[in-house]
């Protein structure tokens, strides 16, 4: 009887050791995954910093004025008139989704899948 109890406890220790080893490998894999994600996040942050710097360089007023002067004949740009600025009430209404005659499916259109304006 004692022999069976000893064999049972030995098997229990082996199973416990295997479980602990499996947990250790899972923790190591998780730590590696977290480190990879942190590296990716830092790379994305660096890319964002680079793009912000490039954006500020491209939007310098002196550079933009030089481009306007260079390509003014092609672009034919004119100064903004105060009367060109409108309020939201003055904007045209969104297009209406039309329903076909004899059917209940909408025709689509460039208003998207929004509800029909009545």
C-alpha atoms as a PDB file:
ATOM      1  CA  UNK A   1       0.000   0.000   0.000  1.00  0.00           C
ATOM      2  CA  UNK A   2       2.810   2.379   0.910  1.00  0.00           C
ATOM      3  CA  UNK A   3       4.446   1.622  -2.433  1.00  0.00           C
ATOM      4  CA  UNK A   4       1.324   2.800  -4.320  1.00  0.00           C
ATOM      5  CA  UNK A   5       1.170   5.986  -2.269  1.00  0.00           C
ATOM      6  CA  UNK A   6       4.857   6.667  -3.023  1.00  0.00           C
ATOM      7  CA  UNK A   7       4.297   6.048  -6.760  1.00  0.00           C
ATOM      8  CA  UNK A   8       1.260   8.350  -6.672  1.00  0.00           C
ATOM      9  CA  UNK A   9       3.260  11.141  -5.003  1.00  0.00           C
ATOM     10  CA  UNK A  10       6.181  10.691  -7.413  1.00  0.00           C
ATOM     11  CA  UNK A  11       3.780  10.986 -10.360  1.00  0.00           C
ATOM     12  CA  UNK A  12       2.193  14.024  -8.699  1.00  0.00           C
ATOM     13  CA  UNK A  13       5.626  15.659  -8.338  1.00  0.00           C
ATOM     14  CA  UNK A  14       6.473  14.920 -11.994  1.00  0.00           C
ATOM     15  CA  UNK A  15       3.142  16.374 -13.170  1.00  0.00           C
ATOM     16  CA  UNK A  16       3.640  19.415 -10.925  1.00  0.00           C
ATOM     17  CA  UNK A  17       7.156  19.952 -12.266  1.00  0.00           C
ATOM     18  CA  UNK A  18       5.871  19.715 -15.849  1.00  0.00           C
ATOM     19  CA  UNK A  19       3.116  22.223 -15.061  1.00  0.00           C
ATOM     20  CA  UNK A  20       5.566  24.670 -13.471  1.00  0.00           C
ATOM     21  CA  UNK A  21       7.911  24.316 -16.467  1.00  0.00           C
ATOM     22  CA  UNK A  22       4.998  24.962 -18.852  1.00  0.00           C
ATOM     23  CA  UNK A  23       4.029  28.080 -16.859  1.00  0.00           C
ATOM     24  CA  UNK A  24       7.632  29.271 -16.987  1.00  0.00           C
ATOM     25  CA  UNK A  25       7.732  28.898 -20.784  1.00  0.00           C
ATOM     26  CA  UNK A  26       4.375  30.692 -21.127  1.00  0.00           C
ATOM     27  CA  UNK A  27       5.612  33.562 -18.941  1.00  0.00           C
ATOM     28  CA  UNK A  28       8.819  33.799 -20.965  1.00  0.00           C
ATOM     29  CA  UNK A  29       6.828  33.860 -24.217  1.00  0.00           C
ATOM     30  CA  UNK A  30       4.514  36.551 -22.815  1.00  0.00           C
ATOM     31  CA  UNK A  31       7.468  38.658 -21.687  1.00  0.00           C
ATOM     32  CA  UNK A  32       9.016  38.329 -25.141  1.00  0.00           C
ATOM     33  CA  UNK A  33       5.723  39.355 -26.760  1.00  0.00           C
ATOM     34  CA  UNK A  34       5.460  42.396 -24.465  1.00  0.00           C
ATOM     35  CA  UNK A  35       9.024  43.410 -25.328  1.00  0.00           C
ATOM     36  CA  UNK A  36       8.243  43.096 -29.054  1.00  0.00           C
ATOM     37  CA  UNK A  37       5.139  45.247 -28.638  1.00  0.00           C
ATOM     38  CA  UNK A  38       7.114  47.878 -26.730  1.00  0.00           C
ATOM     39  CA  UNK A  39       9.686  47.984 -29.534  1.00  0.00           C
ATOM     40  CA  UNK A  40       6.911  48.368 -32.117  1.00  0.00           C
ATOM     41  CA  UNK A  41       5.284  51.154 -30.082  1.00  0.00           C
ATOM     42  CA  UNK A  42       8.584  53.010 -29.823  1.00  0.00           C
ATOM     43  CA  UNK A  43       9.164  52.608 -33.565  1.00  0.00           C
ATOM     44  CA  UNK A  44       5.679  54.008 -34.263  1.00  0.00           C
ATOM     45  CA  UNK A  45       6.311  56.938 -31.912  1.00  0.00           C
ATOM     46  CA  UNK A  46       9.579  57.649 -33.716  1.00  0.00           C
ATOM     47  CA  UNK A  47       7.779  57.507 -37.067  1.00  0.00           C
ATOM     48  CA  UNK A  48       5.135  59.926 -35.757  1.00  0.00           C
ATOM     49  CA  UNK A  49       7.838  62.329 -34.550  1.00  0.00           C
ATOM     50  CA  UNK A  50       9.523  62.104 -37.946  1.00  0.00           C
ATOM     51  CA  UNK A  51       6.266  62.743 -39.813  1.00  0.00           C
ATOM     52  CA  UNK A  52       5.403  65.710 -37.575  1.00  0.00           C
ATOM     53  CA  UNK A  53       8.822  67.212 -38.261  1.00  0.00           C
ATOM     54  CA  UNK A  54       8.381  66.658 -41.994  1.00  0.00           C
ATOM     55  CA  UNK A  55       4.878  68.181 -41.863  1.00  0.00           C
ATOM     56  CA  UNK A  56       6.146  71.292 -40.108  1.00  0.00           C
ATOM     57  CA  UNK A  57       8.944  71.587 -42.673  1.00  0.00           C
ATOM     58  CA  UNK A  58       6.514  71.269 -45.589  1.00  0.00           C
ATOM     59  CA  UNK A  59       4.112  73.824 -44.102  1.00  0.00           C
ATOM     60  CA  UNK A  60       6.592  76.643 -43.610  1.00  0.00           C
ATOM     61  CA  UNK A  61       4.998  79.848 -44.942  1.00  0.00           C
ATOM     62  CA  UNK A  62       8.145  80.870 -46.833  1.00  0.00           C
ATOM     63  CA  UNK A  63       8.239  77.534 -48.670  1.00  0.00           C
ATOM     64  CA  UNK A  64       4.540  77.673 -49.496  1.00  0.00           C
ATOM     65  CA  UNK A  65       4.836  81.252 -50.756  1.00  0.00           C
ATOM     66  CA  UNK A  66       7.734  80.200 -52.958  1.00  0.00           C
ATOM     67  CA  UNK A  67       5.635  77.387 -54.429  1.00  0.00           C
ATOM     68  CA  UNK A  68       2.746  79.747 -55.035  1.00  0.00           C
ATOM     69  CA  UNK A  69       5.059  82.217 -56.782  1.00  0.00           C
ATOM     70  CA  UNK A  70       6.590  79.448 -58.888  1.00  0.00           C
ATOM     71  CA  UNK A  71       3.345  77.787 -60.000  1.00  0.00           C
ATOM     72  CA  UNK A  72       0.980  80.759 -59.973  1.00  0.00           C
ATOM     73  CA  UNK A  73       0.552  80.714 -63.765  1.00  0.00           C
ATOM     74  CA  UNK A  74      -0.538  77.073 -63.664  1.00  0.00           C
ATOM     75  CA  UNK A  75      -2.639  77.238 -60.488  1.00  0.00           C
ATOM     76  CA  UNK A  76      -4.110  80.708 -61.124  1.00  0.00           C
ATOM     77  CA  UNK A  77      -4.629  81.253 -57.409  1.00  0.00           C
ATOM     78  CA  UNK A  78      -6.390  84.355 -56.163  1.00  0.00           C
ATOM     79  CA  UNK A  79      -6.629  85.815 -52.659  1.00  0.00           C
ATOM     80  CA  UNK A  80      -9.554  84.643 -50.551  1.00  0.00           C
ATOM     81  CA  UNK A  81     -12.573  86.938 -50.672  1.00  0.00           C
ATOM     82  CA  UNK A  82     -14.557  87.483 -47.481  1.00  0.00           C
ATOM     83  CA  UNK A  83     -17.773  86.625 -49.306  1.00  0.00           C
ATOM     84  CA  UNK A  84     -16.474  83.117 -50.069  1.00  0.00           C
ATOM     85  CA  UNK A  85     -16.853  82.095 -46.413  1.00  0.00           C
ATOM     86  CA  UNK A  86     -20.356  80.830 -45.678  1.00  0.00           C
ATOM     87  CA  UNK A  87     -22.233  79.573 -42.642  1.00  0.00           C
ATOM     88  CA  UNK A  88     -23.443  75.962 -42.418  1.00  0.00           C
ATOM     89  CA  UNK A  89     -27.015  77.080 -43.119  1.00  0.00           C
ATOM     90  CA  UNK A  90     -25.962  78.397 -46.520  1.00  0.00           C
ATOM     91  CA  UNK A  91     -24.504  75.049 -47.655  1.00  0.00           C
ATOM     92  CA  UNK A  92     -26.623  72.951 -50.037  1.00  0.00           C
ATOM     93  CA  UNK A  93     -28.600  70.052 -48.576  1.00  0.00           C
ATOM     94  CA  UNK A  94     -27.310  66.494 -48.801  1.00  0.00           C
ATOM     95  CA  UNK A  95     -28.642  64.529 -51.766  1.00  0.00           C
ATOM     96  CA  UNK A  96     -31.738  62.441 -51.148  1.00  0.00           C
ATOM     97  CA  UNK A  97     -31.731  58.655 -51.446  1.00  0.00           C
ATOM     98  CA  UNK A  98     -34.430  57.763 -53.987  1.00  0.00           C
ATOM     99  CA  UNK A  99     -36.454  54.578 -53.815  1.00  0.00           C
ATOM    100  CA  UNK A 100     -37.179  52.881 -57.147  1.00  0.00           C
ATOM    101  CA  UNK A 101     -40.745  52.563 -58.321  1.00  0.00           C
ATOM    102  CA  UNK A 102     -42.117  49.145 -57.550  1.00  0.00           C
ATOM    103  CA  UNK A 103     -39.293  48.102 -55.226  1.00  0.00           C
ATOM    104  CA  UNK A 104     -38.097  48.762 -51.730  1.00  0.00           C
ATOM    105  CA  UNK A 105     -34.335  48.709 -52.333  1.00  0.00           C
ATOM    106  CA  UNK A 106     -32.622  52.085 -52.527  1.00  0.00           C
ATOM    107  CA  UNK A 107     -30.762  53.106 -55.649  1.00  0.00           C
ATOM    108  CA  UNK A 108     -27.553  53.919 -53.787  1.00  0.00           C
ATOM    109  CA  UNK A 109     -26.133  57.227 -54.897  1.00  0.00           C
ATOM    110  CA  UNK A 110     -23.449  59.387 -53.466  1.00  0.00           C
ATOM    111  CA  UNK A 111     -25.256  60.102 -50.199  1.00  0.00           C
ATOM    112  CA  UNK A 112     -24.182  56.703 -48.905  1.00  0.00           C
ATOM    113  CA  UNK A 113     -26.296  54.427 -46.785  1.00  0.00           C
ATOM    114  CA  UNK A 114     -27.795  57.186 -44.667  1.00  0.00           C
ATOM    115  CA  UNK A 115     -31.520  57.433 -44.066  1.00  0.00           C
ATOM    116  CA  UNK A 116     -33.766  59.050 -46.631  1.00  0.00           C
ATOM    117  CA  UNK A 117     -34.186  62.777 -46.026  1.00  0.00           C
ATOM    118  CA  UNK A 118     -37.840  63.779 -46.195  1.00  0.00           C
END
